[in-house]
Structures are given as structure tokens and as C-alpha cells.
Amino acid sequence: MYATELTIGDHAYLLRAGTDERGVLDELTAAVRAGGGVVELPAGAPNSPRSVLISPGVPVFIERIPIPDDPPTPDDDAGEDACAEWVL
């Protein structure tokens, strides 16, 4: 299972499960080709933005983020400290 994150410029939006990624990409592409436009996003949460203004030159990324089947446990972090060898 995975979550889909859409990053437009400096802002990241989590898209709800089952979002038609190809459809969103097609709408974003059409807006850029038209010189800019507002694209309605299938929001991940009720209070998150649903409309974005897209224009040429704005970086857009769609990323699939894996979601583990089992939630993490406190023991998952027991072990080596990933930052232990960093010298500050």
C-alpha cells in the first residue's frame, strides 16, 4: 500500500487513496500547455486545499510513499543511532 504525495513548487499535498494519478497528471499538463490554469485536486483531507494554480516553470512532482502493512513499534528504533557518527 502507498500514499500519493503531489508537490507543486514548495507545497506538498497528500492525495486521497484511490486517486487517478494519470488523470491528475493530465490536468496539470493541460494547464501548463494552456499557459496556466486552476486545477482541482482530490484532497486527502476535508480541510486541505482543493484548487491550485499551475503555470509553466513551476516544478511538479508526484511521489508514491510506501506505507508499511504493520505499524511501527517502539523496538523498531532500538539499535544504532543513525546520527551517532556525525561530528558537530
N, C-alpha and C. Protein backbone atom coordinates (compact mmCIF):
# COMPACT_ATOMS: atom_id res chain seq x y z
N MET A 1 0.85 -1.16 0.00
CA MET A 1 0.00 0.00 0.00
C MET A 1 0.90 1.24 0.00
N TYR A 2 0.41 2.33 -0.56
CA TYR A 2 1.19 3.55 -0.62
C TYR A 2 0.28 4.77 -0.55
N ALA A 3 0.88 5.90 -0.17
CA ALA A 3 0.20 7.18 -0.21
C ALA A 3 0.78 7.95 -1.39
N THR A 4 -0.02 8.83 -1.97
CA THR A 4 0.45 9.62 -3.10
C THR A 4 0.58 11.07 -2.66
N GLU A 5 1.80 11.61 -2.83
CA GLU A 5 2.06 12.99 -2.47
C GLU A 5 2.33 13.78 -3.75
N LEU A 6 1.64 14.90 -3.89
CA LEU A 6 1.82 15.79 -5.03
C LEU A 6 2.52 17.04 -4.51
N THR A 7 3.68 17.35 -5.07
CA THR A 7 4.42 18.54 -4.67
C THR A 7 4.39 19.53 -5.82
N ILE A 8 3.89 20.73 -5.53
CA ILE A 8 3.83 21.81 -6.52
C ILE A 8 4.60 22.97 -5.93
N GLY A 9 5.72 23.30 -6.57
CA GLY A 9 6.59 24.33 -6.02
C GLY A 9 7.12 23.87 -4.67
N ASP A 10 6.85 24.65 -3.62
CA ASP A 10 7.29 24.31 -2.27
C ASP A 10 6.20 23.67 -1.43
N HIS A 11 5.04 23.42 -1.99
CA HIS A 11 3.91 22.91 -1.22
C HIS A 11 3.61 21.46 -1.58
N ALA A 12 3.43 20.64 -0.55
CA ALA A 12 3.11 19.22 -0.75
C ALA A 12 1.66 18.96 -0.36
N TYR A 13 0.99 18.17 -1.17
CA TYR A 13 -0.41 17.81 -0.95
C TYR A 13 -0.51 16.30 -0.94
N LEU A 14 -1.16 15.75 0.06
CA LEU A 14 -1.41 14.32 0.12
C LEU A 14 -2.72 14.05 -0.60
N LEU A 15 -2.68 13.21 -1.61
CA LEU A 15 -3.89 12.87 -2.35
C LEU A 15 -4.57 11.68 -1.70
N ARG A 16 -5.87 11.65 -1.74
CA ARG A 16 -6.59 10.56 -1.08
C ARG A 16 -6.34 9.23 -1.79
N ALA A 17 -6.56 8.17 -1.06
CA ALA A 17 -6.36 6.82 -1.60
C ALA A 17 -7.28 6.62 -2.80
N GLY A 18 -6.76 5.96 -3.81
CA GLY A 18 -7.56 5.66 -5.00
C GLY A 18 -7.60 6.79 -6.01
N THR A 19 -6.82 7.85 -5.79
CA THR A 19 -6.79 8.97 -6.73
C THR A 19 -6.28 8.50 -8.09
N ASP A 20 -6.91 8.97 -9.14
CA ASP A 20 -6.47 8.67 -10.50
C ASP A 20 -5.25 9.54 -10.80
N GLU A 21 -4.06 8.99 -10.54
CA GLU A 21 -2.83 9.76 -10.72
C GLU A 21 -2.67 10.22 -12.16
N ARG A 22 -2.97 9.37 -13.11
CA ARG A 22 -2.85 9.73 -14.53
C ARG A 22 -3.78 10.89 -14.85
N GLY A 23 -5.00 10.88 -14.30
CA GLY A 23 -5.94 11.97 -14.54
C GLY A 23 -5.44 13.29 -13.98
N VAL A 24 -4.87 13.26 -12.77
CA VAL A 24 -4.31 14.48 -12.17
C VAL A 24 -3.16 14.99 -13.02
N LEU A 25 -2.27 14.09 -13.45
CA LEU A 25 -1.14 14.48 -14.29
C LEU A 25 -1.61 15.08 -15.60
N ASP A 26 -2.65 14.50 -16.21
CA ASP A 26 -3.19 15.03 -17.46
C ASP A 26 -3.74 16.45 -17.28
N GLU A 27 -4.45 16.69 -16.15
CA GLU A 27 -4.99 18.02 -15.89
C GLU A 27 -3.88 19.04 -15.66
N LEU A 28 -2.84 18.64 -14.93
CA LEU A 28 -1.70 19.53 -14.70
C LEU A 28 -1.00 19.87 -16.01
N THR A 29 -0.80 18.86 -16.84
CA THR A 29 -0.15 19.05 -18.14
C THR A 29 -0.97 19.99 -19.03
N ALA A 30 -2.28 19.80 -19.05
CA ALA A 30 -3.15 20.65 -19.86
C ALA A 30 -3.08 22.11 -19.39
N ALA A 31 -3.02 22.32 -18.07
CA ALA A 31 -2.93 23.68 -17.53
C ALA A 31 -1.62 24.35 -17.96
N VAL A 32 -0.53 23.60 -17.91
CA VAL A 32 0.77 24.16 -18.32
C VAL A 32 0.76 24.49 -19.80
N ARG A 33 0.23 23.59 -20.62
CA ARG A 33 0.19 23.81 -22.07
C ARG A 33 -0.69 25.00 -22.44
N ALA A 34 -1.68 25.29 -21.61
CA ALA A 34 -2.57 26.42 -21.86
C ALA A 34 -1.96 27.74 -21.37
N GLY A 35 -0.76 27.66 -20.79
CA GLY A 35 -0.13 28.87 -20.27
C GLY A 35 -0.43 29.12 -18.81
N GLY A 36 -1.19 28.23 -18.19
CA GLY A 36 -1.54 28.34 -16.77
C GLY A 36 -3.02 28.07 -16.58
N GLY A 37 -3.38 27.68 -15.39
CA GLY A 37 -4.78 27.42 -15.09
C GLY A 37 -4.95 26.84 -13.70
N VAL A 38 -6.19 26.83 -13.24
CA VAL A 38 -6.52 26.27 -11.93
C VAL A 38 -6.91 24.81 -12.11
N VAL A 39 -6.32 23.96 -11.27
CA VAL A 39 -6.60 22.53 -11.31
C VAL A 39 -7.22 22.13 -9.98
N GLU A 40 -8.32 21.41 -10.05
CA GLU A 40 -8.98 20.90 -8.85
C GLU A 40 -8.30 19.60 -8.45
N LEU A 41 -7.89 19.52 -7.18
CA LEU A 41 -7.23 18.32 -6.68
C LEU A 41 -8.18 17.49 -5.83
N PRO A 42 -8.09 16.17 -5.94
CA PRO A 42 -8.82 15.31 -5.00
C PRO A 42 -8.06 15.33 -3.67
N ALA A 43 -8.53 16.11 -2.71
CA ALA A 43 -7.80 16.35 -1.47
C ALA A 43 -7.76 15.12 -0.58
N GLY A 44 -6.69 15.02 0.21
CA GLY A 44 -6.52 13.91 1.13
C GLY A 44 -7.29 14.10 2.42
N ALA A 45 -7.62 15.34 2.76
CA ALA A 45 -8.34 15.65 4.00
C ALA A 45 -9.36 16.74 3.70
N PRO A 46 -10.44 16.79 4.50
CA PRO A 46 -11.50 17.77 4.24
C PRO A 46 -11.04 19.22 4.24
N ASN A 47 -10.06 19.58 5.07
CA ASN A 47 -9.64 20.98 5.18
C ASN A 47 -8.41 21.32 4.35
N SER A 48 -7.94 20.41 3.53
CA SER A 48 -6.76 20.71 2.72
C SER A 48 -7.17 21.40 1.43
N PRO A 49 -6.25 22.17 0.83
CA PRO A 49 -6.58 22.89 -0.40
C PRO A 49 -7.04 21.95 -1.51
N ARG A 50 -8.00 22.38 -2.28
CA ARG A 50 -8.52 21.55 -3.35
C ARG A 50 -8.26 22.14 -4.73
N SER A 51 -7.85 23.39 -4.79
CA SER A 51 -7.58 24.04 -6.07
C SER A 51 -6.18 24.63 -6.04
N VAL A 52 -5.45 24.44 -7.14
CA VAL A 52 -4.10 25.00 -7.24
C VAL A 52 -3.95 25.69 -8.58
N LEU A 53 -3.20 26.78 -8.59
CA LEU A 53 -2.90 27.50 -9.83
C LEU A 53 -1.59 26.94 -10.37
N ILE A 54 -1.64 26.41 -11.57
CA ILE A 54 -0.48 25.82 -12.22
C ILE A 54 -0.06 26.74 -13.36
N SER A 55 1.25 26.98 -13.47
CA SER A 55 1.76 27.77 -14.58
C SER A 55 3.07 27.17 -15.06
N PRO A 56 3.47 27.49 -16.29
CA PRO A 56 4.74 26.97 -16.79
C PRO A 56 5.90 27.39 -15.88
N GLY A 57 6.85 26.51 -15.70
CA GLY A 57 8.02 26.81 -14.88
C GLY A 57 7.89 26.40 -13.43
N VAL A 58 6.70 25.99 -13.00
CA VAL A 58 6.52 25.55 -11.62
C VAL A 58 6.84 24.05 -11.55
N PRO A 59 7.78 23.65 -10.68
CA PRO A 59 8.09 22.22 -10.59
C PRO A 59 6.94 21.44 -9.94
N VAL A 60 6.60 20.31 -10.53
CA VAL A 60 5.53 19.45 -10.03
C VAL A 60 6.06 18.02 -9.94
N PHE A 61 5.85 17.40 -8.79
CA PHE A 61 6.29 16.02 -8.58
C PHE A 61 5.15 15.20 -8.01
N ILE A 62 5.00 13.97 -8.49
CA ILE A 62 4.08 13.02 -7.89
C ILE A 62 4.93 11.88 -7.36
N GLU A 63 4.79 11.60 -6.07
CA GLU A 63 5.61 10.58 -5.43
C GLU A 63 4.73 9.58 -4.70
N ARG A 64 5.04 8.32 -4.88
CA ARG A 64 4.36 7.26 -4.13
C ARG A 64 5.21 6.94 -2.90
N ILE A 65 4.59 7.05 -1.73
CA ILE A 65 5.28 6.80 -0.48
C ILE A 65 4.76 5.48 0.09
N PRO A 66 5.62 4.47 0.22
CA PRO A 66 5.18 3.18 0.75
C PRO A 66 4.68 3.31 2.19
N ILE A 67 3.59 2.62 2.47
CA ILE A 67 3.05 2.56 3.83
C ILE A 67 3.21 1.12 4.29
N PRO A 68 3.95 0.89 5.39
CA PRO A 68 4.13 -0.49 5.85
C PRO A 68 2.80 -1.10 6.29
N ASP A 69 2.68 -2.40 6.08
CA ASP A 69 1.46 -3.10 6.49
C ASP A 69 1.30 -3.11 8.01
N ASP A 70 2.43 -3.21 8.72
CA ASP A 70 2.39 -3.23 10.18
C ASP A 70 2.84 -1.87 10.71
N PRO A 71 2.12 -1.32 11.69
CA PRO A 71 2.55 -0.04 12.26
C PRO A 71 3.88 -0.21 12.98
N PRO A 72 4.71 0.84 13.03
CA PRO A 72 5.99 0.73 13.73
C PRO A 72 5.79 0.50 15.22
N THR A 73 6.72 -0.22 15.82
CA THR A 73 6.69 -0.47 17.25
C THR A 73 7.85 0.28 17.89
N PRO A 74 7.81 0.47 19.21
CA PRO A 74 8.92 1.17 19.88
C PRO A 74 10.27 0.49 19.66
N ASP A 75 10.28 -0.83 19.47
CA ASP A 75 11.53 -1.57 19.27
C ASP A 75 12.13 -1.33 17.89
N ASP A 76 11.36 -0.78 16.95
CA ASP A 76 11.88 -0.55 15.60
C ASP A 76 13.05 0.43 15.60
N ASP A 77 13.09 1.34 16.58
CA ASP A 77 14.17 2.32 16.65
C ASP A 77 15.31 1.88 17.54
N ALA A 78 15.17 0.73 18.20
CA ALA A 78 16.24 0.24 19.06
C ALA A 78 17.38 -0.26 18.19
N GLY A 79 18.55 0.21 18.46
CA GLY A 79 19.70 -0.20 17.65
C GLY A 79 20.63 0.97 17.48
N GLU A 80 21.31 1.00 16.36
CA GLU A 80 22.29 2.06 16.12
C GLU A 80 21.61 3.40 15.91
N ASP A 81 22.23 4.41 16.42
CA ASP A 81 21.79 5.78 16.18
C ASP A 81 22.37 6.22 14.85
N ALA A 82 21.50 6.51 13.88
CA ALA A 82 21.96 6.86 12.53
C ALA A 82 22.84 8.11 12.52
N CYS A 83 22.70 8.96 13.52
CA CYS A 83 23.47 10.20 13.56
C CYS A 83 24.66 10.12 14.51
N ALA A 84 24.92 8.95 15.11
CA ALA A 84 25.96 8.83 16.13
C ALA A 84 27.34 9.21 15.60
N GLU A 85 27.62 8.95 14.34
CA GLU A 85 28.96 9.24 13.84
C GLU A 85 29.10 10.65 13.29
N TRP A 86 28.05 11.44 13.33
CA TRP A 86 28.14 12.82 12.87
C TRP A 86 28.90 13.64 13.90
N VAL A 87 29.82 14.44 13.47
CA VAL A 87 30.56 15.32 14.36
C VAL A 87 30.03 16.73 14.16
N LEU A 88 29.55 17.31 15.24
CA LEU A 88 29.00 18.67 15.15
C LEU A 88 29.99 19.69 15.64
